[in-house]
Amino acid sequence: MHRPSLLLVASATLAAVLTSCSVSSGDYRRESETYLESDALAEEAGYRFSDAVCENPSSQSTGTQFTCRATDNDGDEWLFVVEITGTREITVISGDVIG
């Protein structure tokens, strides 16, 4: 069986924290979870994702990568790699079905 994989260059800005002075690891985690479940990603990826759970990034520095898991509309679990690509900005680098 062919397992789908995504090579994404999907970016999101942490709109929810634009008014705050600093951004925490938890902000990046929460925004990544929200983005993985968003209409924008579903349209680009061709899958609707739910139950997204991300780890807290080890730092808030540009280039820091962390992983997330989510379930698609077919019930398959995916592993995503997300990168902090700027102040208050994330990019989903890749996504692969893992189960």
Protein backbone atom coordinates (compact mmCIF):
# COMPACT_ATOMS: atom_id res chain seq x y z
CA MET A 1 0.00 0.00 0.00
CA HIS A 2 1.30 3.44 -0.93
CA ARG A 3 1.60 5.69 2.08
CA PRO A 4 1.16 9.37 1.28
CA SER A 5 3.66 11.96 2.25
CA LEU A 6 3.63 15.70 1.95
CA LEU A 7 6.43 18.06 1.17
CA LEU A 8 4.97 21.30 2.37
CA VAL A 9 6.20 24.80 2.47
CA ALA A 10 3.14 25.95 4.34
CA SER A 11 3.69 28.94 6.57
CA ALA A 12 1.64 30.52 9.29
CA THR A 13 2.07 33.62 11.37
CA LEU A 14 1.33 33.43 15.05
CA ALA A 15 -1.55 35.86 14.85
CA ALA A 16 -2.80 35.05 18.31
CA VAL A 17 0.35 36.42 19.94
CA LEU A 18 1.07 39.46 17.78
CA THR A 19 0.20 41.83 20.61
CA SER A 20 2.48 40.21 23.16
CA CYS A 21 6.07 41.31 23.69
CA SER A 22 7.60 37.86 23.62
CA VAL A 23 6.73 34.48 22.20
CA SER A 24 7.10 31.28 24.22
CA SER A 25 7.67 27.71 23.08
CA GLY A 26 4.07 27.04 24.06
CA ASP A 27 2.89 29.74 21.65
CA TYR A 28 4.68 28.04 18.75
CA ARG A 29 3.27 24.67 19.82
CA ARG A 30 -0.31 25.92 20.11
CA GLU A 31 -0.20 27.84 16.83
CA SER A 32 1.21 24.79 15.02
CA GLU A 33 -1.62 22.63 16.34
CA THR A 34 -4.16 25.22 15.20
CA TYR A 35 -2.55 25.52 11.78
CA LEU A 36 -2.46 21.75 11.20
CA GLU A 37 -6.24 21.69 11.77
CA SER A 38 -6.87 24.77 9.58
CA ASP A 39 -8.82 25.12 6.35
CA ALA A 40 -5.73 26.64 4.70
CA LEU A 41 -3.63 23.51 5.24
CA ALA A 42 -6.50 21.19 4.32
CA GLU A 43 -6.86 22.98 1.00
CA GLU A 44 -3.14 22.79 0.24
CA ALA A 45 -2.60 19.23 1.46
CA GLY A 46 -5.82 17.66 0.23
CA TYR A 47 -6.45 16.19 3.70
CA ARG A 48 -8.37 17.51 6.70
CA PHE A 49 -6.39 17.01 9.92
CA SER A 50 -7.69 16.81 13.48
CA ASP A 51 -6.43 15.99 16.97
CA ALA A 52 -3.12 17.79 16.32
CA VAL A 53 -0.60 17.54 19.15
CA CYS A 54 2.84 19.17 18.97
CA GLU A 55 5.84 19.04 21.24
CA ASN A 56 7.16 22.28 22.70
CA PRO A 57 10.12 23.48 20.62
CA SER A 58 13.43 23.37 22.50
CA SER A 59 13.93 27.09 21.82
CA GLN A 60 12.26 30.02 20.10
CA SER A 61 15.20 30.57 17.72
CA THR A 62 14.79 30.63 13.95
CA GLY A 63 15.71 27.22 12.55
CA THR A 64 14.44 25.25 15.55
CA GLN A 65 12.46 22.22 14.40
CA PHE A 66 9.90 20.22 16.35
CA THR A 67 7.38 17.50 15.59
CA CYS A 68 3.61 17.28 15.61
CA ARG A 69 1.13 14.46 15.12
CA ALA A 70 -2.36 14.68 13.66
CA THR A 71 -5.01 12.37 12.23
CA ASP A 72 -6.35 12.82 8.70
CA ASN A 73 -9.93 12.44 7.50
CA ASP A 74 -9.19 8.80 6.55
CA GLY A 75 -8.11 7.96 10.13
CA ASP A 76 -4.37 7.75 9.34
CA GLU A 77 -1.89 9.26 11.80
CA TRP A 78 0.69 11.70 10.41
CA LEU A 79 4.01 12.98 11.74
CA PHE A 80 4.87 16.56 10.78
CA VAL A 81 8.12 18.46 11.07
CA VAL A 82 7.59 22.14 11.81
CA GLU A 83 10.30 24.80 11.78
CA ILE A 84 10.41 28.23 13.36
CA THR A 85 11.22 30.39 10.35
CA GLY A 86 11.08 33.84 11.88
CA THR A 87 9.80 35.86 14.76
CA ARG A 88 6.23 34.67 15.25
CA GLU A 89 6.38 32.50 12.11
CA ILE A 90 6.31 28.73 11.52
CA THR A 91 6.66 26.57 8.43
CA VAL A 92 5.46 22.98 8.06
CA ILE A 93 8.47 21.31 6.43
CA SER A 94 7.12 17.80 5.89
CA GLY A 95 4.39 15.36 6.78
CA ASP A 96 4.35 11.56 6.55
CA VAL A 97 1.79 8.90 7.40
CA ILE A 98 3.04 6.83 10.32
CA GLY A 99 0.06 4.67 11.10
